Protein backbone atom coordinates (compact mmCIF):
# COMPACT_ATOMS: atom_id res chain seq x y z
CA MET A 1 59.80 93.23 128.75
CA ASN A 2 59.96 89.70 130.36
CA LEU A 3 58.67 86.97 128.57
CA PRO A 4 57.69 83.53 129.91
CA PRO A 5 59.95 80.52 129.21
CA ILE A 6 58.72 78.02 126.45
CA HIS A 7 57.72 74.71 127.10
CA PRO A 8 58.87 72.06 124.80
CA ASP A 9 54.99 70.33 125.41
CA ASP A 10 53.49 73.99 124.26
CA THR A 11 51.31 72.97 120.70
CA THR A 12 51.50 76.80 120.14
CA VAL A 13 55.32 76.59 119.04
CA THR A 14 56.34 75.45 116.03
CA ALA A 15 59.78 73.66 115.62
CA LEU A 16 61.82 75.37 112.41
CA PRO A 17 63.64 73.02 110.42
CA VAL A 18 67.13 74.41 110.60
CA THR A 19 70.40 72.07 111.46
CA ALA A 20 72.89 72.83 113.79
CA ARG A 21 76.11 74.35 112.99
CA PRO A 22 79.08 71.83 112.85
CA ALA A 23 81.57 72.50 115.59
CA LEU A 24 84.58 74.25 114.71
CA THR A 25 87.91 72.59 114.78
CA ASP A 26 91.67 73.49 115.10
CA ALA A 27 92.29 71.74 111.70
CA PRO A 28 93.37 74.33 108.97
CA MET A 29 90.81 75.48 106.82
CA LEU A 30 93.20 75.70 103.54
CA GLN A 31 95.46 73.12 103.12
CA ALA A 32 98.09 72.73 100.12
CA VAL A 33 98.11 70.14 97.46
CA PRO A 34 100.64 67.78 97.96
CA TYR A 35 103.04 67.37 94.91
CA SER A 36 104.04 63.58 93.89
CA HIS A 37 106.36 63.89 91.08
CA CYS A 38 106.60 67.44 89.35
CA ARG A 39 106.60 70.66 91.12
CA HIS A 40 106.40 72.44 87.34
CA SER A 41 108.83 74.89 88.39
CA PHE A 42 111.38 74.95 85.67
CA THR A 43 109.51 73.33 82.90
CA SER A 44 108.16 74.69 79.99
CA PHE A 45 104.31 74.21 78.87
CA THR A 46 101.97 73.88 76.23
CA VAL A 47 99.13 75.71 75.62
CA ASP A 48 95.86 74.96 73.82
CA ALA A 49 94.49 78.55 72.99
CA ASP A 50 91.14 76.99 71.46
CA ALA A 51 90.50 74.85 74.81
CA GLY A 52 92.14 77.37 77.11
CA LYS A 53 94.21 74.38 78.72
CA CYS A 54 97.80 74.60 79.58
CA PHE A 55 99.96 71.39 80.15
CA CYS A 56 103.38 70.69 81.79
CA LYS A 57 105.98 69.80 79.27
CA ALA A 58 108.03 67.71 81.89
CA CYS A 59 105.02 65.24 83.43
CA GLY A 60 101.98 66.49 80.97
CA GLU A 61 99.77 66.97 84.01
CA GLU A 62 97.00 70.19 83.06
CA VAL A 63 98.03 73.01 84.76
CA SER A 64 95.80 76.36 85.46
CA PRO A 65 96.46 79.05 82.72
CA MET A 66 96.70 81.32 85.64
CA PHE A 67 99.71 79.24 87.05
CA VAL A 68 101.55 79.50 83.61
CA LEU A 69 100.79 83.21 83.17
CA GLU A 70 102.37 83.91 87.09
CA ARG A 71 105.52 81.91 85.89
CA LEU A 72 105.77 83.72 82.76
CA MET A 73 105.51 86.94 84.52
CA ARG A 74 107.84 86.26 86.79
CA GLN A 75 110.69 84.95 84.12
CA GLU A 76 109.81 88.40 82.26
CA SER A 77 110.66 90.52 85.63
CA GLN A 78 113.78 88.28 86.00
CA TRP A 79 114.59 89.48 82.17
CA MET A 80 113.81 92.82 82.59
CA ARG A 81 115.93 93.24 85.86
CA THR A 82 118.93 91.47 84.20
CA ARG A 83 118.54 93.50 81.28
CA ALA A 84 118.60 96.70 83.53
CA ALA A 85 121.47 95.45 85.16
CA TYR A 86 123.56 95.15 81.90
CA GLN A 87 122.49 98.53 80.46
CA ASP A 88 123.58 100.03 83.77
CA GLU A 89 126.79 98.06 83.66
CA MET A 90 127.39 98.97 79.88
CA GLN A 91 126.78 102.61 80.34
CA ARG A 92 129.27 102.82 83.36
CA LEU A 93 131.87 101.09 81.06
CA SER A 94 131.37 103.53 78.29
CA GLU A 95 131.91 106.13 80.13
CA ARG A 96 135.50 104.87 81.20
CA SER A 97 138.57 105.77 79.47
CA LYS A 98 140.98 104.70 81.20
CA THR A 99 141.85 101.22 83.10
CA LYS A 100 144.76 99.64 85.46
CA CYS A 101 146.86 97.48 83.94
CA ARG A 102 146.90 93.96 85.35
CA LYS A 103 150.72 93.29 84.58
CA CYS A 104 152.49 96.87 85.43
CA GLY A 105 149.76 98.75 87.57
CA GLU A 106 149.78 101.73 85.56
CA MET A 107 146.61 103.56 83.97
CA THR A 108 146.21 102.47 80.27
CA GLU A 109 143.97 103.88 77.55
CA ILE A 110 141.09 101.72 76.81
CA SER A 111 141.24 100.73 73.03
CA ARG A 112 137.70 101.24 71.56
CA LYS A 113 137.78 98.99 68.66
């Protein structure tokens, strides 16, 4: 079905109040917030549970509770990995009964005092 072209002078055509979409640019859509003084990396936080707010103890800036939770999660994960490695090493050492002497090079019994 071929329709005739619409002319701007035609009074039967009603213009819609639509604005044109802004042109897309090459600029990134998301940008990181620049940190000026404190990165809150290895600091402790003050938590106000009643207000639901957290503050960095180093600079006093308010930080997101999710940011604090993520930091705590990473610290706990590191602690759990360290604990598991310690327990594995202690298990391995408990199974040994002899070790090589540093002075004479002979195998000697491990004392369990």
